[in-house]
C-alpha atoms as a PDB file:
ATOM      1  CA  UNK A   1       0.010   0.090  -0.062  1.00  0.00           C
ATOM      2  CA  UNK A   2       0.953   3.500  -0.623  1.00  0.00           C
ATOM      3  CA  UNK A   3       0.458   4.457   2.879  1.00  0.00           C
ATOM      4  CA  UNK A   4      -0.776   2.571   5.840  1.00  0.00           C
ATOM      5  CA  UNK A   5      -4.511   2.623   6.464  1.00  0.00           C
ATOM      6  CA  UNK A   6      -5.624   3.704   9.778  1.00  0.00           C
ATOM      7  CA  UNK A   7      -9.650   3.740  10.581  1.00  0.00           C
ATOM      8  CA  UNK A   8     -10.683   5.614  13.642  1.00  0.00           C
ATOM      9  CA  UNK A   9     -13.586   3.058  15.333  1.00  0.00           C
ATOM     10  CA  UNK A  10     -14.585   5.635  18.068  1.00  0.00           C
ATOM     11  CA  UNK A  11     -13.430   5.923  22.026  1.00  0.00           C
ATOM     12  CA  UNK A  12      -9.936   6.130  20.614  1.00  0.00           C
ATOM     13  CA  UNK A  13     -10.123   2.665  19.062  1.00  0.00           C
ATOM     14  CA  UNK A  14      -8.232   2.283  15.707  1.00  0.00           C
ATOM     15  CA  UNK A  15      -8.036  -0.273  13.120  1.00  0.00           C
ATOM     16  CA  UNK A  16      -4.813  -1.076  11.287  1.00  0.00           C
ATOM     17  CA  UNK A  17      -4.615  -2.458   7.798  1.00  0.00           C
ATOM     18  CA  UNK A  18      -1.876  -4.985   7.949  1.00  0.00           C
ATOM     19  CA  UNK A  19      -1.677  -5.328   3.736  1.00  0.00           C
ATOM     20  CA  UNK A  20      -1.622  -9.253   3.897  1.00  0.00           C
ATOM     21  CA  UNK A  21      -0.395 -10.237   0.508  1.00  0.00           C
ATOM     22  CA  UNK A  22      -0.189  -6.759  -0.802  1.00  0.00           C
ATOM     23  CA  UNK A  23      -4.073  -6.590  -0.697  1.00  0.00           C
ATOM     24  CA  UNK A  24      -6.151  -3.941   1.307  1.00  0.00           C
ATOM     25  CA  UNK A  25      -8.937  -5.103   3.545  1.00  0.00           C
ATOM     26  CA  UNK A  26      -7.644  -8.920   4.128  1.00  0.00           C
ATOM     27  CA  UNK A  27      -6.125  -8.933   7.583  1.00  0.00           C
ATOM     28  CA  UNK A  28      -6.689  -5.973  10.527  1.00  0.00           C
ATOM     29  CA  UNK A  29      -5.205  -5.548  13.811  1.00  0.00           C
ATOM     30  CA  UNK A  30      -6.755  -3.380  16.352  1.00  0.00           C
ATOM     31  CA  UNK A  31      -5.192  -0.712  18.796  1.00  0.00           C
ATOM     32  CA  UNK A  32      -6.900   0.288  21.772  1.00  0.00           C
ATOM     33  CA  UNK A  33      -5.689   2.992  24.479  1.00  0.00           C
ATOM     34  CA  UNK A  34      -4.736   2.203  28.100  1.00  0.00           C
ATOM     35  CA  UNK A  35      -4.844   4.619  30.832  1.00  0.00           C
ATOM     36  CA  UNK A  36      -1.005   5.007  29.830  1.00  0.00           C
ATOM     37  CA  UNK A  37       0.142   3.285  26.783  1.00  0.00           C
ATOM     38  CA  UNK A  38      -1.468   0.637  24.058  1.00  0.00           C
ATOM     39  CA  UNK A  39      -3.328  -2.327  23.830  1.00  0.00           C
ATOM     40  CA  UNK A  40      -2.719  -4.195  20.157  1.00  0.00           C
ATOM     41  CA  UNK A  41      -5.321  -7.183  19.442  1.00  0.00           C
ATOM     42  CA  UNK A  42      -3.849  -9.273  16.581  1.00  0.00           C
ATOM     43  CA  UNK A  43      -0.333  -9.161  14.630  1.00  0.00           C
ATOM     44  CA  UNK A  44      -0.719 -10.846  11.734  1.00  0.00           C
ATOM     45  CA  UNK A  45       2.350 -12.713   9.651  1.00  0.00           C
ATOM     46  CA  UNK A  46       5.982 -11.677   9.948  1.00  0.00           C
ATOM     47  CA  UNK A  47       5.432 -10.485   6.399  1.00  0.00           C
ATOM     48  CA  UNK A  48       2.981  -7.574   7.805  1.00  0.00           C
ATOM     49  CA  UNK A  49       5.345  -6.639  10.508  1.00  0.00           C
ATOM     50  CA  UNK A  50       6.254  -3.295   8.359  1.00  0.00           C
ATOM     51  CA  UNK A  51       2.750  -2.615   7.740  1.00  0.00           C
ATOM     52  CA  UNK A  52       1.650  -3.064  11.311  1.00  0.00           C
ATOM     53  CA  UNK A  53       4.628  -0.690  12.330  1.00  0.00           C
ATOM     54  CA  UNK A  54       3.936   1.805   9.806  1.00  0.00           C
ATOM     55  CA  UNK A  55       0.391   1.790  10.786  1.00  0.00           C
ATOM     56  CA  UNK A  56       1.291   2.534  14.678  1.00  0.00           C
ATOM     57  CA  UNK A  57       3.338   5.433  13.319  1.00  0.00           C
ATOM     58  CA  UNK A  58       0.465   6.740  11.333  1.00  0.00           C
ATOM     59  CA  UNK A  59      -1.998   6.308  14.378  1.00  0.00           C
ATOM     60  CA  UNK A  60       0.864   8.418  16.319  1.00  0.00           C
ATOM     61  CA  UNK A  61       1.747   5.404  18.520  1.00  0.00           C
ATOM     62  CA  UNK A  62       5.382   4.695  19.546  1.00  0.00           C
ATOM     63  CA  UNK A  63       6.366   1.127  19.593  1.00  0.00           C
ATOM     64  CA  UNK A  64       7.609   1.593  23.401  1.00  0.00           C
ATOM     65  CA  UNK A  65       4.198   2.566  23.923  1.00  0.00           C
ATOM     66  CA  UNK A  66       2.387  -0.852  23.379  1.00  0.00           C
ATOM     67  CA  UNK A  67       2.072  -2.514  26.551  1.00  0.00           C
ATOM     68  CA  UNK A  68      -0.265  -5.508  25.734  1.00  0.00           C
ATOM     69  CA  UNK A  69      -0.472  -7.689  22.585  1.00  0.00           C
ATOM     70  CA  UNK A  70      -3.548 -10.094  22.334  1.00  0.00           C
ATOM     71  CA  UNK A  71      -3.904 -12.875  19.724  1.00  0.00           C
ATOM     72  CA  UNK A  72      -7.081 -14.659  19.121  1.00  0.00           C
ATOM     73  CA  UNK A  73      -5.097 -17.897  17.809  1.00  0.00           C
ATOM     74  CA  UNK A  74      -1.850 -18.967  16.893  1.00  0.00           C
ATOM     75  CA  UNK A  75      -2.937 -19.525  13.355  1.00  0.00           C
ATOM     76  CA  UNK A  76       0.056 -17.808  11.019  1.00  0.00           C
ATOM     77  CA  UNK A  77      -2.379 -14.998   9.674  1.00  0.00           C
ATOM     78  CA  UNK A  78      -2.998 -13.620  13.003  1.00  0.00           C
ATOM     79  CA  UNK A  79       0.065 -14.406  15.252  1.00  0.00           C
ATOM     80  CA  UNK A  80       2.913 -15.628  12.975  1.00  0.00           C
ATOM     81  CA  UNK A  81       4.386 -12.329  13.358  1.00  0.00           C
ATOM     82  CA  UNK A  82       4.723 -12.271  17.313  1.00  0.00           C
ATOM     83  CA  UNK A  83       8.353 -13.235  17.739  1.00  0.00           C
ATOM     84  CA  UNK A  84       9.562 -11.173  15.204  1.00  0.00           C
ATOM     85  CA  UNK A  85       7.410  -8.122  16.405  1.00  0.00           C
ATOM     86  CA  UNK A  86       8.827  -8.651  20.214  1.00  0.00           C
ATOM     87  CA  UNK A  87      11.959  -6.879  19.498  1.00  0.00           C
ATOM     88  CA  UNK A  88      10.106  -3.721  18.093  1.00  0.00           C
ATOM     89  CA  UNK A  89       7.858  -3.437  20.869  1.00  0.00           C
ATOM     90  CA  UNK A  90      10.408  -3.710  23.968  1.00  0.00           C
ATOM     91  CA  UNK A  91       7.830  -3.142  26.493  1.00  0.00           C
ATOM     92  CA  UNK A  92       4.775  -5.417  25.181  1.00  0.00           C
ATOM     93  CA  UNK A  93       3.896  -8.499  26.919  1.00  0.00           C
ATOM     94  CA  UNK A  94       2.148 -11.211  24.488  1.00  0.00           C
ATOM     95  CA  UNK A  95      -0.806 -13.074  25.347  1.00  0.00           C
ATOM     96  CA  UNK A  96      -2.377 -16.076  23.977  1.00  0.00           C
ATOM     97  CA  UNK A  97      -4.667 -19.065  25.075  1.00  0.00           C
ATOM     98  CA  UNK A  98      -2.662 -21.499  27.188  1.00  0.00           C
ATOM     99  CA  UNK A  99      -2.455 -24.238  24.777  1.00  0.00           C
ATOM    100  CA  UNK A 100      -0.963 -21.877  22.151  1.00  0.00           C
ATOM    101  CA  UNK A 101       1.627 -20.305  24.298  1.00  0.00           C
ATOM    102  CA  UNK A 102       4.078 -22.948  24.050  1.00  0.00           C
ATOM    103  CA  UNK A 103       3.875 -22.972  20.026  1.00  0.00           C
ATOM    104  CA  UNK A 104       4.918 -19.416  20.145  1.00  0.00           C
ATOM    105  CA  UNK A 105       7.841 -20.289  22.591  1.00  0.00           C
ATOM    106  CA  UNK A 106       8.901 -23.079  20.186  1.00  0.00           C
ATOM    107  CA  UNK A 107       7.562 -22.497  16.614  1.00  0.00           C
ATOM    108  CA  UNK A 108       8.929 -25.757  15.299  1.00  0.00           C
ATOM    109  CA  UNK A 109       5.747 -27.650  14.889  1.00  0.00           C
ATOM    110  CA  UNK A 110       4.408 -24.048  13.503  1.00  0.00           C
ATOM    111  CA  UNK A 111       7.173 -24.080  10.865  1.00  0.00           C
ATOM    112  CA  UNK A 112       6.695 -27.670   9.845  1.00  0.00           C
ATOM    113  CA  UNK A 113       3.146 -27.250   9.458  1.00  0.00           C
ATOM    114  CA  UNK A 114       2.983 -24.264   7.327  1.00  0.00           C
ATOM    115  CA  UNK A 115       5.709 -25.791   4.854  1.00  0.00           C
ATOM    116  CA  UNK A 116       3.579 -29.017   4.935  1.00  0.00           C
ATOM    117  CA  UNK A 117       0.512 -26.997   3.841  1.00  0.00           C
ATOM    118  CA  UNK A 118       2.231 -24.260   1.672  1.00  0.00           C
ATOM    119  CA  UNK A 119       5.287 -26.175   0.017  1.00  0.00           C
ATOM    120  CA  UNK A 120       7.740 -23.398  -1.406  1.00  0.00           C
ATOM    121  CA  UNK A 121       4.979 -20.522  -1.101  1.00  0.00           C
ATOM    122  CA  UNK A 122       5.351 -20.750   3.045  1.00  0.00           C
ATOM    123  CA  UNK A 123       8.686 -18.642   3.537  1.00  0.00           C
ATOM    124  CA  UNK A 124       7.369 -15.524   1.356  1.00  0.00           C
ATOM    125  CA  UNK A 125       3.526 -16.060   2.529  1.00  0.00           C
ATOM    126  CA  UNK A 126       4.237 -15.886   6.372  1.00  0.00           C
ATOM    127  CA  UNK A 127       7.852 -14.662   6.524  1.00  0.00           C
ATOM    128  CA  UNK A 128      10.282 -16.134   9.469  1.00  0.00           C
ATOM    129  CA  UNK A 129       8.295 -17.634  12.383  1.00  0.00           C
ATOM    130  CA  UNK A 130      10.624 -16.600  14.975  1.00  0.00           C
ATOM    131  CA  UNK A 131      10.471 -17.597  18.830  1.00  0.00           C
ATOM    132  CA  UNK A 132       9.243 -15.467  21.297  1.00  0.00           C
ATOM    133  CA  UNK A 133      11.081 -14.851  24.763  1.00  0.00           C
ATOM    134  CA  UNK A 134       9.263 -17.265  27.354  1.00  0.00           C
ATOM    135  CA  UNK A 135       9.257 -14.376  29.688  1.00  0.00           C
ATOM    136  CA  UNK A 136       7.367 -12.260  27.292  1.00  0.00           C
ATOM    137  CA  UNK A 137       4.324 -14.260  27.002  1.00  0.00           C
ATOM    138  CA  UNK A 138       1.430 -14.896  29.318  1.00  0.00           C
ATOM    139  CA  UNK A 139      -1.109 -17.729  28.898  1.00  0.00           C
ATOM    140  CA  UNK A 140      -4.827 -16.913  28.896  1.00  0.00           C
ATOM    141  CA  UNK A 141      -7.681 -19.363  29.691  1.00  0.00           C
ATOM    142  CA  UNK A 142     -10.773 -17.031  29.209  1.00  0.00           C
ATOM    143  CA  UNK A 143     -12.699 -14.839  31.776  1.00  0.00           C
ATOM    144  CA  UNK A 144      -9.356 -12.448  32.398  1.00  0.00           C
ATOM    145  CA  UNK A 145     -10.032  -8.940  32.261  1.00  0.00           C
ATOM    146  CA  UNK A 146      -7.678  -6.018  31.436  1.00  0.00           C
ATOM    147  CA  UNK A 147      -8.248  -2.384  31.996  1.00  0.00           C
ATOM    148  CA  UNK A 148      -8.554   0.046  28.830  1.00  0.00           C
ATOM    149  CA  UNK A 149      -9.147   3.629  28.740  1.00  0.00           C
ATOM    150  CA  UNK A 150     -13.159   3.788  29.760  1.00  0.00           C
ATOM    151  CA  UNK A 151     -13.675   0.181  30.114  1.00  0.00           C
ATOM    152  CA  UNK A 152     -12.105  -3.072  30.074  1.00  0.00           C
ATOM    153  CA  UNK A 153     -11.285  -5.901  27.727  1.00  0.00           C
ATOM    154  CA  UNK A 154     -12.686  -9.404  28.405  1.00  0.00           C
ATOM    155  CA  UNK A 155     -10.854 -12.565  27.231  1.00  0.00           C
ATOM    156  CA  UNK A 156     -13.902 -15.262  26.114  1.00  0.00           C
ATOM    157  CA  UNK A 157     -12.984 -18.716  25.522  1.00  0.00           C
ATOM    158  CA  UNK A 158     -13.967 -19.472  22.013  1.00  0.00           C
ATOM    159  CA  UNK A 159     -12.992 -23.049  20.861  1.00  0.00           C
ATOM    160  CA  UNK A 160     -14.184 -24.534  17.717  1.00  0.00           C
ATOM    161  CA  UNK A 161     -12.240 -22.886  14.792  1.00  0.00           C
ATOM    162  CA  UNK A 162      -9.397 -23.850  16.838  1.00  0.00           C
ATOM    163  CA  UNK A 163      -9.012 -25.371  20.656  1.00  0.00           C
ATOM    164  CA  UNK A 164      -6.711 -22.321  21.349  1.00  0.00           C
ATOM    165  CA  UNK A 165      -9.328 -19.816  19.846  1.00  0.00           C
ATOM    166  CA  UNK A 166     -10.011 -16.582  22.231  1.00  0.00           C
ATOM    167  CA  UNK A 167     -12.470 -13.719  21.342  1.00  0.00           C
ATOM    168  CA  UNK A 168     -12.158 -10.485  23.442  1.00  0.00           C
ATOM    169  CA  UNK A 169     -14.732  -7.867  24.570  1.00  0.00           C
ATOM    170  CA  UNK A 170     -14.111  -4.223  24.695  1.00  0.00           C
ATOM    171  CA  UNK A 171     -16.622  -3.152  27.210  1.00  0.00           C
ATOM    172  CA  UNK A 172     -16.317   0.613  26.273  1.00  0.00           C
ATOM    173  CA  UNK A 173     -16.759   0.357  22.486  1.00  0.00           C
ATOM    174  CA  UNK A 174     -19.268  -2.898  22.893  1.00  0.00           C
ATOM    175  CA  UNK A 175     -17.542  -4.555  20.254  1.00  0.00           C
ATOM    176  CA  UNK A 176     -16.431  -8.163  20.139  1.00  0.00           C
ATOM    177  CA  UNK A 177     -12.785  -9.296  18.551  1.00  0.00           C
ATOM    178  CA  UNK A 178     -13.865 -12.409  16.843  1.00  0.00           C
ATOM    179  CA  UNK A 179     -10.576 -13.857  15.109  1.00  0.00           C
ATOM    180  CA  UNK A 180     -11.969 -16.691  13.140  1.00  0.00           C
ATOM    181  CA  UNK A 181     -14.547 -17.496  15.652  1.00  0.00           C
ATOM    182  CA  UNK A 182     -17.385 -15.749  13.485  1.00  0.00           C
ATOM    183  CA  UNK A 183     -16.254 -16.443  10.015  1.00  0.00           C
ATOM    184  CA  UNK A 184     -14.532 -14.284   7.291  1.00  0.00           C
ATOM    185  CA  UNK A 185     -16.675 -11.204   6.293  1.00  0.00           C
ATOM    186  CA  UNK A 186     -14.664  -8.662   4.040  1.00  0.00           C
ATOM    187  CA  UNK A 187     -16.068  -5.267   4.071  1.00  0.00           C
ATOM    188  CA  UNK A 188     -16.331  -5.305  -0.228  1.00  0.00           C
ATOM    189  CA  UNK A 189     -19.144  -7.641  -0.155  1.00  0.00           C
ATOM    190  CA  UNK A 190     -20.031  -8.238   3.476  1.00  0.00           C
ATOM    191  CA  UNK A 191     -20.417 -11.814   2.364  1.00  0.00           C
ATOM    192  CA  UNK A 192     -20.367 -14.065   5.717  1.00  0.00           C
ATOM    193  CA  UNK A 193     -18.232 -17.132   4.766  1.00  0.00           C
ATOM    194  CA  UNK A 194     -17.260 -19.924   7.678  1.00  0.00           C
ATOM    195  CA  UNK A 195     -13.809 -20.402   8.618  1.00  0.00           C
ATOM    196  CA  UNK A 196     -13.599 -23.969   9.373  1.00  0.00           C
ATOM    197  CA  UNK A 197     -10.126 -25.457   8.582  1.00  0.00           C
ATOM    198  CA  UNK A 198      -8.637 -28.688  10.140  1.00  0.00           C
ATOM    199  CA  UNK A 199      -7.221 -29.871  12.494  1.00  0.00           C
ATOM    200  CA  UNK A 200      -9.328 -29.383  15.237  1.00  0.00           C
ATOM    201  CA  UNK A 201     -12.661 -27.988  14.090  1.00  0.00           C
ATOM    202  CA  UNK A 202     -15.512 -28.880  16.479  1.00  0.00           C
ATOM    203  CA  UNK A 203     -19.026 -27.644  15.135  1.00  0.00           C
ATOM    204  CA  UNK A 204     -20.690 -27.936  18.992  1.00  0.00           C
ATOM    205  CA  UNK A 205     -17.721 -25.893  20.623  1.00  0.00           C
ATOM    206  CA  UNK A 206     -18.052 -23.471  17.631  1.00  0.00           C
ATOM    207  CA  UNK A 207     -21.903 -22.976  18.040  1.00  0.00           C
ATOM    208  CA  UNK A 208     -21.379 -22.674  21.696  1.00  0.00           C
ATOM    209  CA  UNK A 209     -18.596 -20.082  21.333  1.00  0.00           C
ATOM    210  CA  UNK A 210     -20.543 -18.130  18.858  1.00  0.00           C
ATOM    211  CA  UNK A 211     -23.592 -17.909  21.365  1.00  0.00           C
ATOM    212  CA  UNK A 212     -20.761 -16.759  24.181  1.00  0.00           C
ATOM    213  CA  UNK A 213     -19.860 -13.867  22.163  1.00  0.00           C
ATOM    214  CA  UNK A 214     -23.620 -12.987  20.884  1.00  0.00           C
ATOM    215  CA  UNK A 215     -24.433 -13.201  24.662  1.00  0.00           C
ATOM    216  CA  UNK A 216     -22.413  -9.795  25.272  1.00  0.00           C
ATOM    217  CA  UNK A 217     -24.442  -8.153  23.010  1.00  0.00           C
ATOM    218  CA  UNK A 218     -22.155  -6.373  20.883  1.00  0.00           C
ATOM    219  CA  UNK A 219     -22.793  -3.037  18.824  1.00  0.00           C
ATOM    220  CA  UNK A 220     -19.749  -3.963  16.743  1.00  0.00           C
ATOM    221  CA  UNK A 221     -18.588  -6.929  15.479  1.00  0.00           C
ATOM    222  CA  UNK A 222     -14.829  -6.444  14.497  1.00  0.00           C
ATOM    223  CA  UNK A 223     -13.523  -9.397  12.273  1.00  0.00           C
ATOM    224  CA  UNK A 224      -9.902 -10.098  11.839  1.00  0.00           C
ATOM    225  CA  UNK A 225     -10.837 -10.703   8.282  1.00  0.00           C
ATOM    226  CA  UNK A 226     -11.940  -7.885   7.846  1.00  0.00           C
ATOM    227  CA  UNK A 227     -12.942  -4.862   9.723  1.00  0.00           C
ATOM    228  CA  UNK A 228     -16.106  -3.640  11.863  1.00  0.00           C
ATOM    229  CA  UNK A 229     -19.630  -4.708  11.086  1.00  0.00           C
ATOM    230  CA  UNK A 230     -22.219  -2.691  12.474  1.00  0.00           C
ATOM    231  CA  UNK A 231     -24.972  -5.452  12.359  1.00  0.00           C
ATOM    232  CA  UNK A 232     -23.586  -6.917  15.566  1.00  0.00           C
ATOM    233  CA  UNK A 233     -25.392  -9.743  17.352  1.00  0.00           C
ATOM    234  CA  UNK A 234     -27.147 -10.379  13.974  1.00  0.00           C
ATOM    235  CA  UNK A 235     -23.980 -11.234  12.425  1.00  0.00           C
ATOM    236  CA  UNK A 236     -23.221 -13.622  15.129  1.00  0.00           C
ATOM    237  CA  UNK A 237     -26.874 -15.173  15.094  1.00  0.00           C
ATOM    238  CA  UNK A 238     -26.899 -15.869  11.220  1.00  0.00           C
ATOM    239  CA  UNK A 239     -23.405 -17.631  11.568  1.00  0.00           C
ATOM    240  CA  UNK A 240     -24.758 -20.843  12.857  1.00  0.00           C
ATOM    241  CA  UNK A 241     -26.855 -21.456  10.150  1.00  0.00           C
ATOM    242  CA  UNK A 242     -24.260 -20.641   7.621  1.00  0.00           C
ATOM    243  CA  UNK A 243     -22.100 -23.089   8.954  1.00  0.00           C
ATOM    244  CA  UNK A 244     -24.782 -25.573   9.028  1.00  0.00           C
ATOM    245  CA  UNK A 245     -25.789 -24.993   5.621  1.00  0.00           C
ATOM    246  CA  UNK A 246     -22.127 -25.601   4.648  1.00  0.00           C
ATOM    247  CA  UNK A 247     -21.754 -28.679   7.077  1.00  0.00           C
ATOM    248  CA  UNK A 248     -24.797 -30.120   5.224  1.00  0.00           C
ATOM    249  CA  UNK A 249     -23.508 -29.553   1.654  1.00  0.00           C
ATOM    250  CA  UNK A 250     -20.092 -30.900   2.655  1.00  0.00           C
ATOM    251  CA  UNK A 251     -21.537 -34.049   4.190  1.00  0.00           C
ATOM    252  CA  UNK A 252     -23.676 -34.873   1.374  1.00  0.00           C
ATOM    253  CA  UNK A 253     -20.640 -34.488  -0.872  1.00  0.00           C
ATOM    254  CA  UNK A 254     -18.275 -36.323   1.568  1.00  0.00           C
ATOM    255  CA  UNK A 255     -20.861 -39.538   1.167  1.00  0.00           C
ATOM    256  CA  UNK A 256     -20.788 -39.499  -2.431  1.00  0.00           C
ATOM    257  CA  UNK A 257     -17.022 -39.370  -2.706  1.00  0.00           C
ATOM    258  CA  UNK A 258     -14.821 -38.322   0.408  1.00  0.00           C
ATOM    259  CA  UNK A 259     -12.319 -36.408  -1.272  1.00  0.00           C
ATOM    260  CA  UNK A 260     -11.197 -32.493  -0.298  1.00  0.00           C
ATOM    261  CA  UNK A 261     -11.274 -31.626  -4.109  1.00  0.00           C
ATOM    262  CA  UNK A 262     -14.776 -33.081  -4.671  1.00  0.00           C
ATOM    263  CA  UNK A 263     -16.068 -31.377  -1.237  1.00  0.00           C
ATOM    264  CA  UNK A 264     -14.355 -28.146  -2.235  1.00  0.00           C
ATOM    265  CA  UNK A 265     -16.052 -27.819  -5.553  1.00  0.00           C
ATOM    266  CA  UNK A 266     -19.663 -28.446  -3.921  1.00  0.00           C
ATOM    267  CA  UNK A 267     -19.033 -26.028  -1.438  1.00  0.00           C
ATOM    268  CA  UNK A 268     -17.800 -23.417  -4.162  1.00  0.00           C
ATOM    269  CA  UNK A 269     -20.870 -23.888  -6.269  1.00  0.00           C
ATOM    270  CA  UNK A 270     -23.017 -23.573  -3.275  1.00  0.00           C
ATOM    271  CA  UNK A 271     -21.335 -20.513  -2.065  1.00  0.00           C
ATOM    272  CA  UNK A 272     -21.885 -19.045  -5.598  1.00  0.00           C
ATOM    273  CA  UNK A 273     -25.205 -19.509  -5.491  1.00  0.00           C
ATOM    274  CA  UNK A 274     -25.699 -17.893  -2.040  1.00  0.00           C
ATOM    275  CA  UNK A 275     -23.668 -14.705  -3.150  1.00  0.00           C
ATOM    276  CA  UNK A 276     -25.564 -14.487  -6.459  1.00  0.00           C
ATOM    277  CA  UNK A 277     -28.805 -14.159  -4.585  1.00  0.00           C
ATOM    278  CA  UNK A 278     -27.078 -11.430  -1.972  1.00  0.00           C
ATOM    279  CA  UNK A 279     -25.350  -9.296  -4.632  1.00  0.00           C
ATOM    280  CA  UNK A 280     -24.458 -11.002  -7.708  1.00  0.00           C
ATOM    281  CA  UNK A 281     -21.454 -13.706  -8.934  1.00  0.00           C
ATOM    282  CA  UNK A 282     -18.354 -14.095  -7.036  1.00  0.00           C
ATOM    283  CA  UNK A 283     -15.769 -12.812  -9.246  1.00  0.00           C
ATOM    284  CA  UNK A 284     -12.817 -15.068  -9.966  1.00  0.00           C
ATOM    285  CA  UNK A 285     -10.295 -12.806  -8.079  1.00  0.00           C
ATOM    286  CA  UNK A 286     -12.529 -13.112  -5.005  1.00  0.00           C
ATOM    287  CA  UNK A 287     -10.219 -11.733  -1.924  1.00  0.00           C
ATOM    288  CA  UNK A 288     -11.891 -13.901   0.657  1.00  0.00           C
ATOM    289  CA  UNK A 289     -10.140 -16.990  -0.871  1.00  0.00           C
ATOM    290  CA  UNK A 290      -6.667 -15.499   0.006  1.00  0.00           C
ATOM    291  CA  UNK A 291      -7.485 -16.197   3.947  1.00  0.00           C
ATOM    292  CA  UNK A 292     -10.285 -18.845   3.703  1.00  0.00           C
ATOM    293  CA  UNK A 293     -10.446 -21.155   0.766  1.00  0.00           C
ATOM    294  CA  UNK A 294     -13.115 -23.824  -0.208  1.00  0.00           C
ATOM    295  CA  UNK A 295     -10.387 -26.395  -0.029  1.00  0.00           C
ATOM    296  CA  UNK A 296      -9.265 -25.547   3.626  1.00  0.00           C
ATOM    297  CA  UNK A 297     -13.036 -25.695   4.820  1.00  0.00           C
ATOM    298  CA  UNK A 298     -13.335 -29.031   2.895  1.00  0.00           C
ATOM    299  CA  UNK A 299     -10.412 -30.521   4.633  1.00  0.00           C
ATOM    300  CA  UNK A 300     -11.609 -29.169   7.842  1.00  0.00           C
ATOM    301  CA  UNK A 301     -15.108 -30.694   7.566  1.00  0.00           C
ATOM    302  CA  UNK A 302     -13.746 -34.080   6.272  1.00  0.00           C
ATOM    303  CA  UNK A 303     -11.616 -34.694   9.017  1.00  0.00           C
ATOM    304  CA  UNK A 304     -14.724 -33.823  11.437  1.00  0.00           C
ATOM    305  CA  UNK A 305     -16.894 -36.240   9.790  1.00  0.00           C
ATOM    306  CA  UNK A 306     -14.139 -38.659   9.796  1.00  0.00           C
ATOM    307  CA  UNK A 307     -13.668 -38.282  13.382  1.00  0.00           C
ATOM    308  CA  UNK A 308     -17.126 -38.086  14.513  1.00  0.00           C
ATOM    309  CA  UNK A 309     -18.210 -41.283  12.504  1.00  0.00           C
ATOM    310  CA  UNK A 310     -20.369 -39.473  10.052  1.00  0.00           C
ATOM    311  CA  UNK A 311     -18.961 -41.126   7.073  1.00  0.00           C
ATOM    312  CA  UNK A 312     -19.890 -45.117   5.902  1.00  0.00           C
ATOM    313  CA  UNK A 313     -17.172 -47.401   6.543  1.00  0.00           C
ATOM    314  CA  UNK A 314     -15.103 -47.866   3.325  1.00  0.00           C
END
């Protein structure tokens, strides 16, 4: 991007566009004021480090003023840059779910998983995945609260997308930071798409987590992919039915042919039908595919069906 995109959300809160894959509107971080200093929600991958630091500068925030950094989960598009960012934010403490913290401190499994999934594209896509010094990381379980200017930030345990997923609720802004727990909803379409990858997708937990977020009665839903939705609780209420529809399409396909490519094609056809009813056909360059492709959803659902005995024995 030619310059950082920083957006005011009210009450001193700001959105930073991390320019993931040199594309606007894919990955967001959020900057929240404390009484003295700042809180950051999400870091993005290491490849977004420069955009994040430029965004801080554009917002008038010095790196030394960032005191707390929270990540919703340790998937690389949300937290891959934590280690590389630690040196640039020398006074910050980093926070993640307790089951994710060991992988931030010793990221070898994250690195091998990324290279297995992305092959030669992994390093240019995510950048170096750097260990975080153990003394800089604090484990969360859900239920914790941290002071912000005019309110507090509540930590909500939201497994389902991943076992180590958290959401955060800003009591002053009455906004919930959903990570991937309520799907992908890019601003250019407002089309809500499931984020349901392997390996530990759990649909009952996902539905319970969405309900936990909805019970906060948020005025805003703040998606990591991407940005604010003023529909608040309505977005969360309809997410369950969207995931259930994808589950049903995928299950029918899997019972016909339990292959990721076959299931992904059925999901793609279904999603195009939905989008055509909403706003017109999906373009071939649909940017949401850069953060949540049909193959990833198909793989997550297929693994879920297999591990829950929902497919006939071969």
